[in-house]
Amino acid sequence: MLVHSRGARWAVWLLFLVLFLPLFALPLLVVLGASFATNWSGVLPSGFTTGHYATATRGEALQALTTSLLTAVAASVLALVVGTWAALAAAALKKSHRRVMDALFVLPVAVPSVVVGLAILVAFSEPPFLLNGTRWIVILAHTVLVTAFAHQSVSAALSRLDPAYEQAAASLGARPAYVLWRVRLPLLLPSLTAAAGLCFALSMGELSATMMLYPPDWTPLPVLIYAATDRGSLFAGSALAVVLMTATLLALYAVSRIRTRASYR
C-alpha cells in the first residue's frame, strides 16, 4: 500500500469497507442468510431451516449442478486450447494483423451474451450443423463467450516472455515443436491455469445465452436458480445460489493450488 501515514491508512481501509461491504459482501451475506430462512418479514430474512439445502443437493438440483460443472469444464478446456493456439499464432503475425485477430476474439464479449446466444441458435438450427436441442449447443455457446478471456490472458503472458529461453533452446538444436512443448508452454503454465479458472467461473455463472439454448435434459444450475426465484421460491433459489458459489469457489481454489505449484517449477 503506497500510503505511509497511519491516518491515511485508516482512511483507505475505511473507504474500502464503505465501498466493499454494501456493494459486494452484504448482498452475498443476505443470500447466505436467506438460504437458511423460512420467511422474510423485516429488513432481513428470519427463521431457520436447513431444508432448502436438502432440496438443493439432490434430485433435479444435483443433476443441474453436474450439468454446470461438465459444461464449465468442457468450455474451459476448449477455450483454453483455441485461445492458446490463436495467441501463439498471432504472436508470429504483424501488429496490424494481430489487432484484427484480437478484435475477432473480443467481439463475442463486446456484444450482449443474449445476442451471442441468438446468433448460435440461428447458425446451428439447420443441417449440416444441427446442434439445436442438444447439450453441445450450450457447450459451444459457453466456449464462444469465454474464449476471449483465455486468448487475452495467454496473449498478455506471451508478450512478457523472455525470448532468450527459446533462443537458447533453438541454438542447442531443439526443433520448434520441442521448444513449444518443453520451453514455451511450461513458461505459460501459470497464465494458462489462471485463464482456465477465469473461464470456468464465467461459464458456471452464464445465464443469458443459456436461457435461449438449453434443452430440457441439459439444464445448468443458473437456469434452475432463475426458475426458482421467478416462481417466488426465493429461499430455495438462495440455497441453490450458495451451492453454485461453493462449487465454483472450490474449483477455483483447486486451480489456484495448481497455479501456485506451476509458478514454483
C-alpha atoms as a PDB file:
ATOM      1  CA  MET A   1       0.000   0.000   0.000  1.00  0.00           C
ATOM      2  CA  LEU A   2       1.543   3.302  -1.108  1.00  0.00           C
ATOM      3  CA  VAL A   3       0.216   5.216   1.915  1.00  0.00           C
ATOM      4  CA  HIS A   4       2.736   5.921   4.655  1.00  0.00           C
ATOM      5  CA  SER A   5       0.933   7.844   7.404  1.00  0.00           C
ATOM      6  CA  ARG A   6      -1.202   5.955   9.903  1.00  0.00           C
ATOM      7  CA  GLY A   7      -4.186   8.237   9.467  1.00  0.00           C
ATOM      8  CA  ALA A   8      -4.124   7.868   5.708  1.00  0.00           C
ATOM      9  CA  ARG A   9      -4.002   4.075   6.023  1.00  0.00           C
ATOM     10  CA  TRP A  10      -7.042   4.127   8.303  1.00  0.00           C
ATOM     11  CA  ALA A  11      -8.846   6.369   5.803  1.00  0.00           C
ATOM     12  CA  VAL A  12      -8.052   3.984   2.938  1.00  0.00           C
ATOM     13  CA  TRP A  13      -9.280   0.973   4.920  1.00  0.00           C
ATOM     14  CA  LEU A  14     -12.438   2.839   5.912  1.00  0.00           C
ATOM     15  CA  LEU A  15     -13.106   3.765   2.288  1.00  0.00           C
ATOM     16  CA  PHE A  16     -12.533   0.159   1.279  1.00  0.00           C
ATOM     17  CA  LEU A  17     -15.005  -1.103   3.886  1.00  0.00           C
ATOM     18  CA  VAL A  18     -17.607   1.507   2.962  1.00  0.00           C
ATOM     19  CA  LEU A  19     -17.408   0.520  -0.706  1.00  0.00           C
ATOM     20  CA  PHE A  20     -16.820  -3.218  -0.317  1.00  0.00           C
ATOM     21  CA  LEU A  21     -19.415  -4.171   2.276  1.00  0.00           C
ATOM     22  CA  PRO A  22     -22.542  -2.616   0.681  1.00  0.00           C
ATOM     23  CA  LEU A  23     -21.594  -3.459  -2.909  1.00  0.00           C
ATOM     24  CA  PHE A  24     -20.065  -6.941  -2.619  1.00  0.00           C
ATOM     25  CA  ALA A  25     -20.102  -8.590   0.792  1.00  0.00           C
ATOM     26  CA  LEU A  26     -23.543  -7.591   2.096  1.00  0.00           C
ATOM     27  CA  PRO A  27     -25.593  -8.944  -0.859  1.00  0.00           C
ATOM     28  CA  LEU A  28     -23.767 -12.281  -0.664  1.00  0.00           C
ATOM     29  CA  LEU A  29     -24.314 -12.452   3.103  1.00  0.00           C
ATOM     30  CA  VAL A  30     -28.021 -11.740   2.616  1.00  0.00           C
ATOM     31  CA  VAL A  31     -28.245 -14.571   0.081  1.00  0.00           C
ATOM     32  CA  LEU A  32     -26.472 -16.866   2.541  1.00  0.00           C
ATOM     33  CA  GLY A  33     -28.886 -15.856   5.303  1.00  0.00           C
ATOM     34  CA  ALA A  34     -31.902 -16.286   3.032  1.00  0.00           C
ATOM     35  CA  SER A  35     -30.826 -19.828   2.180  1.00  0.00           C
ATOM     36  CA  PHE A  36     -31.405 -20.795   5.848  1.00  0.00           C
ATOM     37  CA  ALA A  37     -34.578 -18.713   6.318  1.00  0.00           C
ATOM     38  CA  THR A  38     -38.250 -19.610   6.335  1.00  0.00           C
ATOM     39  CA  ASN A  39     -39.724 -16.126   5.945  1.00  0.00           C
ATOM     40  CA  TRP A  40     -38.819 -12.509   5.306  1.00  0.00           C
ATOM     41  CA  SER A  41     -40.957 -10.264   7.433  1.00  0.00           C
ATOM     42  CA  GLY A  42     -38.468  -7.493   8.239  1.00  0.00           C
ATOM     43  CA  VAL A  43     -35.318  -5.964   6.856  1.00  0.00           C
ATOM     44  CA  LEU A  44     -33.528  -9.319   6.920  1.00  0.00           C
ATOM     45  CA  PRO A  45     -34.761 -12.899   6.465  1.00  0.00           C
ATOM     46  CA  SER A  46     -35.791 -14.721   9.647  1.00  0.00           C
ATOM     47  CA  GLY A  47     -36.478 -18.231  10.845  1.00  0.00           C
ATOM     48  CA  PHE A  48     -34.042 -21.096  10.471  1.00  0.00           C
ATOM     49  CA  THR A  49     -34.113 -24.272   8.425  1.00  0.00           C
ATOM     50  CA  THR A  50     -31.701 -26.492   6.524  1.00  0.00           C
ATOM     51  CA  GLY A  51     -34.485 -27.941   4.416  1.00  0.00           C
ATOM     52  CA  HIS A  52     -33.622 -25.799   1.413  1.00  0.00           C
ATOM     53  CA  TYR A  53     -30.189 -27.445   1.216  1.00  0.00           C
ATOM     54  CA  ALA A  54     -31.748 -30.897   1.362  1.00  0.00           C
ATOM     55  CA  THR A  55     -33.564 -29.975  -1.840  1.00  0.00           C
ATOM     56  CA  ALA A  56     -30.583 -28.142  -3.350  1.00  0.00           C
ATOM     57  CA  THR A  57     -28.225 -31.116  -3.081  1.00  0.00           C
ATOM     58  CA  ARG A  58     -30.339 -33.899  -4.547  1.00  0.00           C
ATOM     59  CA  GLY A  59     -32.563 -34.775  -7.474  1.00  0.00           C
ATOM     60  CA  GLU A  60     -33.013 -32.119 -10.131  1.00  0.00           C
ATOM     61  CA  ALA A  61     -30.725 -29.635  -8.375  1.00  0.00           C
ATOM     62  CA  LEU A  62     -27.851 -32.125  -8.150  1.00  0.00           C
ATOM     63  CA  GLN A  63     -28.280 -33.004 -11.818  1.00  0.00           C
ATOM     64  CA  ALA A  64     -28.246 -29.290 -12.706  1.00  0.00           C
ATOM     65  CA  LEU A  65     -25.042 -28.793 -10.694  1.00  0.00           C
ATOM     66  CA  THR A  66     -23.436 -31.722 -12.511  1.00  0.00           C
ATOM     67  CA  THR A  67     -24.553 -30.226 -15.827  1.00  0.00           C
ATOM     68  CA  SER A  68     -23.000 -26.868 -14.916  1.00  0.00           C
ATOM     69  CA  LEU A  69     -19.730 -28.487 -13.879  1.00  0.00           C
ATOM     70  CA  LEU A  70     -19.488 -30.593 -17.040  1.00  0.00           C
ATOM     71  CA  THR A  71     -20.363 -27.619 -19.231  1.00  0.00           C
ATOM     72  CA  ALA A  72     -17.847 -25.364 -17.497  1.00  0.00           C
ATOM     73  CA  VAL A  73     -15.044 -27.939 -17.690  1.00  0.00           C
ATOM     74  CA  ALA A  74     -15.706 -28.660 -21.371  1.00  0.00           C
ATOM     75  CA  ALA A  75     -15.997 -24.976 -22.287  1.00  0.00           C
ATOM     76  CA  SER A  76     -12.858 -24.090 -20.311  1.00  0.00           C
ATOM     77  CA  VAL A  77     -10.771 -26.808 -21.952  1.00  0.00           C
ATOM     78  CA  LEU A  78     -11.980 -25.881 -25.441  1.00  0.00           C
ATOM     79  CA  ALA A  79     -11.494 -22.164 -24.790  1.00  0.00           C
ATOM     80  CA  LEU A  80      -8.004 -22.772 -23.442  1.00  0.00           C
ATOM     81  CA  VAL A  81      -6.992 -24.854 -26.464  1.00  0.00           C
ATOM     82  CA  VAL A  82      -8.453 -22.440 -29.014  1.00  0.00           C
ATOM     83  CA  GLY A  83      -7.333 -19.298 -27.191  1.00  0.00           C
ATOM     84  CA  THR A  84      -3.781 -20.572 -26.663  1.00  0.00           C
ATOM     85  CA  TRP A  85      -3.460 -21.745 -30.249  1.00  0.00           C
ATOM     86  CA  ALA A  86      -4.728 -18.385 -31.538  1.00  0.00           C
ATOM     87  CA  ALA A  87      -2.424 -16.432 -29.220  1.00  0.00           C
ATOM     88  CA  LEU A  88       0.604 -18.457 -30.331  1.00  0.00           C
ATOM     89  CA  ALA A  89      -0.334 -17.989 -33.976  1.00  0.00           C
ATOM     90  CA  ALA A  90      -0.969 -14.256 -33.534  1.00  0.00           C
ATOM     91  CA  ALA A  91       2.447 -13.785 -31.904  1.00  0.00           C
ATOM     92  CA  ALA A  92       4.044 -14.532 -35.288  1.00  0.00           C
ATOM     93  CA  LEU A  93       1.833 -12.049 -37.173  1.00  0.00           C
ATOM     94  CA  LYS A  94       2.340  -8.394 -37.936  1.00  0.00           C
ATOM     95  CA  LYS A  95       0.988  -5.960 -35.368  1.00  0.00           C
ATOM     96  CA  SER A  96      -1.913  -4.864 -37.595  1.00  0.00           C
ATOM     97  CA  HIS A  97      -2.949  -8.463 -38.274  1.00  0.00           C
ATOM     98  CA  ARG A  98      -2.655  -9.256 -34.582  1.00  0.00           C
ATOM     99  CA  ARG A  99      -5.073  -6.449 -33.777  1.00  0.00           C
ATOM    100  CA  VAL A 100      -7.608  -7.869 -36.227  1.00  0.00           C
ATOM    101  CA  MET A 101      -7.383 -11.300 -34.591  1.00  0.00           C
ATOM    102  CA  ASP A 102      -7.710  -9.777 -31.125  1.00  0.00           C
ATOM    103  CA  ALA A 103     -10.815  -7.884 -32.250  1.00  0.00           C
ATOM    104  CA  LEU A 104     -12.398 -11.068 -33.609  1.00  0.00           C
ATOM    105  CA  PHE A 105     -11.920 -12.879 -30.318  1.00  0.00           C
ATOM    106  CA  VAL A 106     -13.171  -9.957 -28.231  1.00  0.00           C
ATOM    107  CA  LEU A 107     -16.284  -9.472 -30.383  1.00  0.00           C
ATOM    108  CA  PRO A 108     -18.478 -12.030 -28.501  1.00  0.00           C
ATOM    109  CA  VAL A 109     -17.684 -10.203 -25.258  1.00  0.00           C
ATOM    110  CA  ALA A 110     -18.339  -6.765 -26.752  1.00  0.00           C
ATOM    111  CA  VAL A 111     -21.969  -7.609 -27.573  1.00  0.00           C
ATOM    112  CA  PRO A 112     -24.635  -8.806 -25.100  1.00  0.00           C
ATOM    113  CA  SER A 113     -24.463 -12.549 -24.433  1.00  0.00           C
ATOM    114  CA  VAL A 114     -28.121 -12.906 -25.417  1.00  0.00           C
ATOM    115  CA  VAL A 115     -27.114 -11.753 -28.908  1.00  0.00           C
ATOM    116  CA  VAL A 116     -24.419 -14.423 -28.986  1.00  0.00           C
ATOM    117  CA  GLY A 117     -26.999 -16.986 -27.916  1.00  0.00           C
ATOM    118  CA  LEU A 118     -29.397 -15.915 -30.658  1.00  0.00           C
ATOM    119  CA  ALA A 119     -26.618 -15.995 -33.266  1.00  0.00           C
ATOM    120  CA  ILE A 120     -25.618 -19.537 -32.269  1.00  0.00           C
ATOM    121  CA  LEU A 121     -29.267 -20.622 -32.220  1.00  0.00           C
ATOM    122  CA  VAL A 122     -29.801 -19.365 -35.762  1.00  0.00           C
ATOM    123  CA  ALA A 123     -26.488 -20.687 -37.066  1.00  0.00           C
ATOM    124  CA  PHE A 124     -26.834 -24.198 -35.669  1.00  0.00           C
ATOM    125  CA  SER A 125     -30.531 -24.940 -36.131  1.00  0.00           C
ATOM    126  CA  GLU A 126     -30.270 -26.368 -39.647  1.00  0.00           C
ATOM    127  CA  PRO A 127     -28.180 -29.128 -41.275  1.00  0.00           C
ATOM    128  CA  PRO A 128     -25.331 -29.750 -41.737  1.00  0.00           C
ATOM    129  CA  PHE A 129     -24.537 -28.181 -38.350  1.00  0.00           C
ATOM    130  CA  LEU A 130     -27.694 -29.118 -36.455  1.00  0.00           C
ATOM    131  CA  LEU A 131     -26.915 -28.707 -32.752  1.00  0.00           C
ATOM    132  CA  ASN A 132     -30.158 -27.118 -31.592  1.00  0.00           C
ATOM    133  CA  GLY A 133     -31.824 -29.228 -28.913  1.00  0.00           C
ATOM    134  CA  THR A 134     -28.579 -30.898 -27.828  1.00  0.00           C
ATOM    135  CA  ARG A 135     -26.130 -30.267 -24.988  1.00  0.00           C
ATOM    136  CA  TRP A 136     -23.422 -29.396 -27.495  1.00  0.00           C
ATOM    137  CA  ILE A 137     -25.026 -26.094 -28.436  1.00  0.00           C
ATOM    138  CA  VAL A 138     -24.844 -24.988 -24.785  1.00  0.00           C
ATOM    139  CA  ILE A 139     -21.185 -26.023 -24.536  1.00  0.00           C
ATOM    140  CA  LEU A 140     -20.475 -24.224 -27.806  1.00  0.00           C
ATOM    141  CA  ALA A 141     -22.112 -21.015 -26.584  1.00  0.00           C
ATOM    142  CA  HIS A 142     -20.142 -21.071 -23.333  1.00  0.00           C
ATOM    143  CA  THR A 143     -16.931 -21.729 -25.265  1.00  0.00           C
ATOM    144  CA  VAL A 144     -17.547 -18.774 -27.572  1.00  0.00           C
ATOM    145  CA  LEU A 145     -18.272 -16.491 -24.615  1.00  0.00           C
ATOM    146  CA  VAL A 146     -15.173 -17.378 -22.563  1.00  0.00           C
ATOM    147  CA  THR A 147     -12.540 -17.966 -25.269  1.00  0.00           C
ATOM    148  CA  ALA A 148     -11.792 -14.235 -25.449  1.00  0.00           C
ATOM    149  CA  PHE A 149     -10.574 -14.268 -21.843  1.00  0.00           C
ATOM    150  CA  ALA A 150      -8.291 -17.239 -22.468  1.00  0.00           C
ATOM    151  CA  HIS A 151      -6.915 -15.614 -25.602  1.00  0.00           C
ATOM    152  CA  GLN A 152      -6.263 -12.277 -23.908  1.00  0.00           C
ATOM    153  CA  SER A 153      -4.625 -13.902 -20.890  1.00  0.00           C
ATOM    154  CA  VAL A 154      -2.256 -16.037 -22.965  1.00  0.00           C
ATOM    155  CA  SER A 155      -1.501 -13.151 -25.338  1.00  0.00           C
ATOM    156  CA  ALA A 156      -0.510 -10.937 -22.426  1.00  0.00           C
ATOM    157  CA  ALA A 157       1.697 -13.690 -20.998  1.00  0.00           C
ATOM    158  CA  LEU A 158       3.366 -14.246 -24.364  1.00  0.00           C
ATOM    159  CA  SER A 159       4.260 -10.573 -24.624  1.00  0.00           C
ATOM    160  CA  ARG A 160       6.082 -10.819 -21.277  1.00  0.00           C
ATOM    161  CA  LEU A 161       8.070 -13.976 -22.086  1.00  0.00           C
ATOM    162  CA  ASP A 162      11.819 -13.590 -22.324  1.00  0.00           C
ATOM    163  CA  PRO A 163      12.797 -14.820 -25.810  1.00  0.00           C
ATOM    164  CA  ALA A 164      16.240 -15.808 -24.509  1.00  0.00           C
ATOM    165  CA  TYR A 165      14.900 -19.183 -23.299  1.00  0.00           C
ATOM    166  CA  GLU A 166      13.563 -20.109 -26.717  1.00  0.00           C
ATOM    167  CA  GLN A 167      16.660 -18.793 -28.453  1.00  0.00           C
ATOM    168  CA  ALA A 168      18.902 -20.835 -26.165  1.00  0.00           C
ATOM    169  CA  ALA A 169      16.904 -23.996 -26.830  1.00  0.00           C
ATOM    170  CA  ALA A 170      16.941 -23.375 -30.588  1.00  0.00           C
ATOM    171  CA  SER A 171      20.688 -22.711 -30.575  1.00  0.00           C
ATOM    172  CA  LEU A 172      21.215 -26.126 -28.972  1.00  0.00           C
ATOM    173  CA  GLY A 173      19.407 -27.791 -31.861  1.00  0.00           C
ATOM    174  CA  ALA A 174      15.909 -28.104 -30.419  1.00  0.00           C
ATOM    175  CA  ARG A 175      13.168 -28.336 -33.011  1.00  0.00           C
ATOM    176  CA  PRO A 176      10.292 -25.798 -32.980  1.00  0.00           C
ATOM    177  CA  ALA A 177       7.833 -28.398 -31.682  1.00  0.00           C
ATOM    178  CA  TYR A 178      10.202 -29.300 -28.845  1.00  0.00           C
ATOM    179  CA  VAL A 179      10.704 -25.624 -27.969  1.00  0.00           C
ATOM    180  CA  LEU A 180       6.926 -25.174 -27.865  1.00  0.00           C
ATOM    181  CA  TRP A 181       6.170 -28.180 -25.659  1.00  0.00           C
ATOM    182  CA  ARG A 182       9.231 -28.124 -23.402  1.00  0.00           C
ATOM    183  CA  VAL A 183      10.034 -24.417 -23.130  1.00  0.00           C
ATOM    184  CA  ARG A 184       7.223 -22.116 -24.174  1.00  0.00           C
ATOM    185  CA  LEU A 185       4.150 -23.881 -22.748  1.00  0.00           C
ATOM    186  CA  PRO A 186       5.772 -24.638 -19.348  1.00  0.00           C
ATOM    187  CA  LEU A 187       6.621 -20.942 -19.020  1.00  0.00           C
ATOM    188  CA  LEU A 188       2.993 -20.132 -19.841  1.00  0.00           C
ATOM    189  CA  LEU A 189       1.558 -22.633 -17.359  1.00  0.00           C
ATOM    190  CA  PRO A 190       0.735 -20.104 -14.583  1.00  0.00           C
ATOM    191  CA  SER A 191      -1.135 -17.934 -17.097  1.00  0.00           C
ATOM    192  CA  LEU A 192      -2.876 -20.983 -18.574  1.00  0.00           C
ATOM    193  CA  THR A 193      -4.167 -22.082 -15.178  1.00  0.00           C
ATOM    194  CA  ALA A 194      -5.334 -18.535 -14.388  1.00  0.00           C
ATOM    195  CA  ALA A 195      -7.161 -18.392 -17.713  1.00  0.00           C
ATOM    196  CA  ALA A 196      -8.722 -21.803 -17.048  1.00  0.00           C
ATOM    197  CA  GLY A 197     -10.015 -20.635 -13.669  1.00  0.00           C
ATOM    198  CA  LEU A 198     -11.482 -17.468 -15.136  1.00  0.00           C
ATOM    199  CA  CYS A 199     -13.171 -19.358 -17.985  1.00  0.00           C
ATOM    200  CA  PHE A 200     -14.579 -21.907 -15.528  1.00  0.00           C
ATOM    201  CA  ALA A 201     -16.025 -19.247 -13.215  1.00  0.00           C
ATOM    202  CA  LEU A 202     -17.607 -17.313 -16.084  1.00  0.00           C
ATOM    203  CA  SER A 203     -19.133 -20.463 -17.556  1.00  0.00           C
ATOM    204  CA  MET A 204     -20.562 -21.557 -14.200  1.00  0.00           C
ATOM    205  CA  GLY A 205     -22.499 -18.291 -13.877  1.00  0.00           C
ATOM    206  CA  GLU A 206     -23.567 -17.799 -17.500  1.00  0.00           C
ATOM    207  CA  LEU A 207     -27.344 -17.398 -17.899  1.00  0.00           C
ATOM    208  CA  SER A 208     -28.456 -15.106 -20.746  1.00  0.00           C
ATOM    209  CA  ALA A 209     -27.283 -17.176 -23.717  1.00  0.00           C
ATOM    210  CA  THR A 210     -28.007 -20.427 -21.893  1.00  0.00           C
ATOM    211  CA  MET A 211     -31.665 -19.496 -21.437  1.00  0.00           C
ATOM    212  CA  MET A 212     -32.090 -19.373 -25.212  1.00  0.00           C
ATOM    213  CA  LEU A 213     -30.317 -22.647 -25.954  1.00  0.00           C
ATOM    214  CA  TYR A 214     -30.580 -25.268 -23.218  1.00  0.00           C
ATOM    215  CA  PRO A 215     -32.582 -28.449 -23.910  1.00  0.00           C
ATOM    216  CA  PRO A 216     -34.758 -29.981 -21.158  1.00  0.00           C
ATOM    217  CA  ASP A 217     -32.212 -32.722 -20.431  1.00  0.00           C
ATOM    218  CA  TRP A 218     -29.278 -30.288 -20.055  1.00  0.00           C
ATOM    219  CA  THR A 219     -30.356 -27.634 -17.560  1.00  0.00           C
ATOM    220  CA  PRO A 220     -27.465 -25.790 -15.855  1.00  0.00           C
ATOM    221  CA  LEU A 221     -27.827 -24.633 -12.264  1.00  0.00           C
ATOM    222  CA  PRO A 222     -28.142 -20.869 -13.042  1.00  0.00           C
ATOM    223  CA  VAL A 223     -31.276 -21.662 -15.072  1.00  0.00           C
ATOM    224  CA  LEU A 224     -32.700 -23.556 -12.088  1.00  0.00           C
ATOM    225  CA  ILE A 225     -31.912 -20.614  -9.798  1.00  0.00           C
ATOM    226  CA  TYR A 226     -33.672 -18.220 -12.148  1.00  0.00           C
ATOM    227  CA  ALA A 227     -36.684 -20.534 -12.384  1.00  0.00           C
ATOM    228  CA  ALA A 228     -36.920 -20.841  -8.586  1.00  0.00           C
ATOM    229  CA  THR A 229     -36.799 -17.095  -7.973  1.00  0.00           C
ATOM    230  CA  ASP A 230     -39.148 -16.418 -10.895  1.00  0.00           C
ATOM    231  CA  ARG A 231     -41.876 -18.531  -9.318  1.00  0.00           C
ATOM    232  CA  GLY A 232     -41.343 -16.860  -5.932  1.00  0.00           C
ATOM    233  CA  SER A 233     -39.219 -19.534  -4.208  1.00  0.00           C
ATOM    234  CA  LEU A 234     -36.630 -17.009  -3.037  1.00  0.00           C
ATOM    235  CA  PHE A 235     -35.226 -19.097  -0.190  1.00  0.00           C
ATOM    236  CA  ALA A 236     -34.863 -22.232  -2.299  1.00  0.00           C
ATOM    237  CA  GLY A 237     -33.207 -20.150  -5.010  1.00  0.00           C
ATOM    238  CA  SER A 238     -30.802 -18.701  -2.438  1.00  0.00           C
ATOM    239  CA  ALA A 239     -29.769 -22.192  -1.342  1.00  0.00           C
ATOM    240  CA  LEU A 240     -29.132 -23.150  -4.963  1.00  0.00           C
ATOM    241  CA  ALA A 241     -27.074 -19.970  -5.396  1.00  0.00           C
ATOM    242  CA  VAL A 242     -24.951 -20.819  -2.350  1.00  0.00           C
ATOM    243  CA  VAL A 243     -24.362 -24.325  -3.733  1.00  0.00           C
ATOM    244  CA  LEU A 244     -23.298 -22.781  -7.048  1.00  0.00           C
ATOM    245  CA  MET A 245     -20.944 -20.315  -5.335  1.00  0.00           C
ATOM    246  CA  THR A 246     -19.431 -23.043  -3.162  1.00  0.00           C
ATOM    247  CA  ALA A 247     -18.794 -25.378  -6.095  1.00  0.00           C
ATOM    248  CA  THR A 248     -17.238 -22.549  -8.118  1.00  0.00           C
ATOM    249  CA  LEU A 249     -15.015 -21.388  -5.254  1.00  0.00           C
ATOM    250  CA  LEU A 250     -13.805 -24.932  -4.549  1.00  0.00           C
ATOM    251  CA  ALA A 251     -12.917 -25.398  -8.203  1.00  0.00           C
ATOM    252  CA  LEU A 252     -11.116 -22.042  -8.279  1.00  0.00           C
ATOM    253  CA  TYR A 253      -9.211 -22.980  -5.122  1.00  0.00           C
ATOM    254  CA  ALA A 254      -8.049 -26.194  -6.780  1.00  0.00           C
ATOM    255  CA  VAL A 255      -6.949 -24.234  -9.862  1.00  0.00           C
ATOM    256  CA  SER A 256      -5.095 -21.707  -7.673  1.00  0.00           C
ATOM    257  CA  ARG A 257      -3.193 -24.556  -5.992  1.00  0.00           C
ATOM    258  CA  ILE A 258      -2.154 -25.870  -9.391  1.00  0.00           C
ATOM    259  CA  ARG A 259      -1.140 -22.366 -10.429  1.00  0.00           C
ATOM    260  CA  THR A 260       0.961 -21.917  -7.278  1.00  0.00           C
ATOM    261  CA  ARG A 261       2.817 -25.145  -7.929  1.00  0.00           C
ATOM    262  CA  ALA A 262       3.336 -24.175 -11.555  1.00  0.00           C
ATOM    263  CA  SER A 263       4.787 -20.822 -10.501  1.00  0.00           C
ATOM    264  CA  TYR A 264       7.478 -22.543  -8.420  1.00  0.00           C
ATOM    265  CA  ARG A 265       8.514 -25.007 -11.107  1.00  0.00           C
END
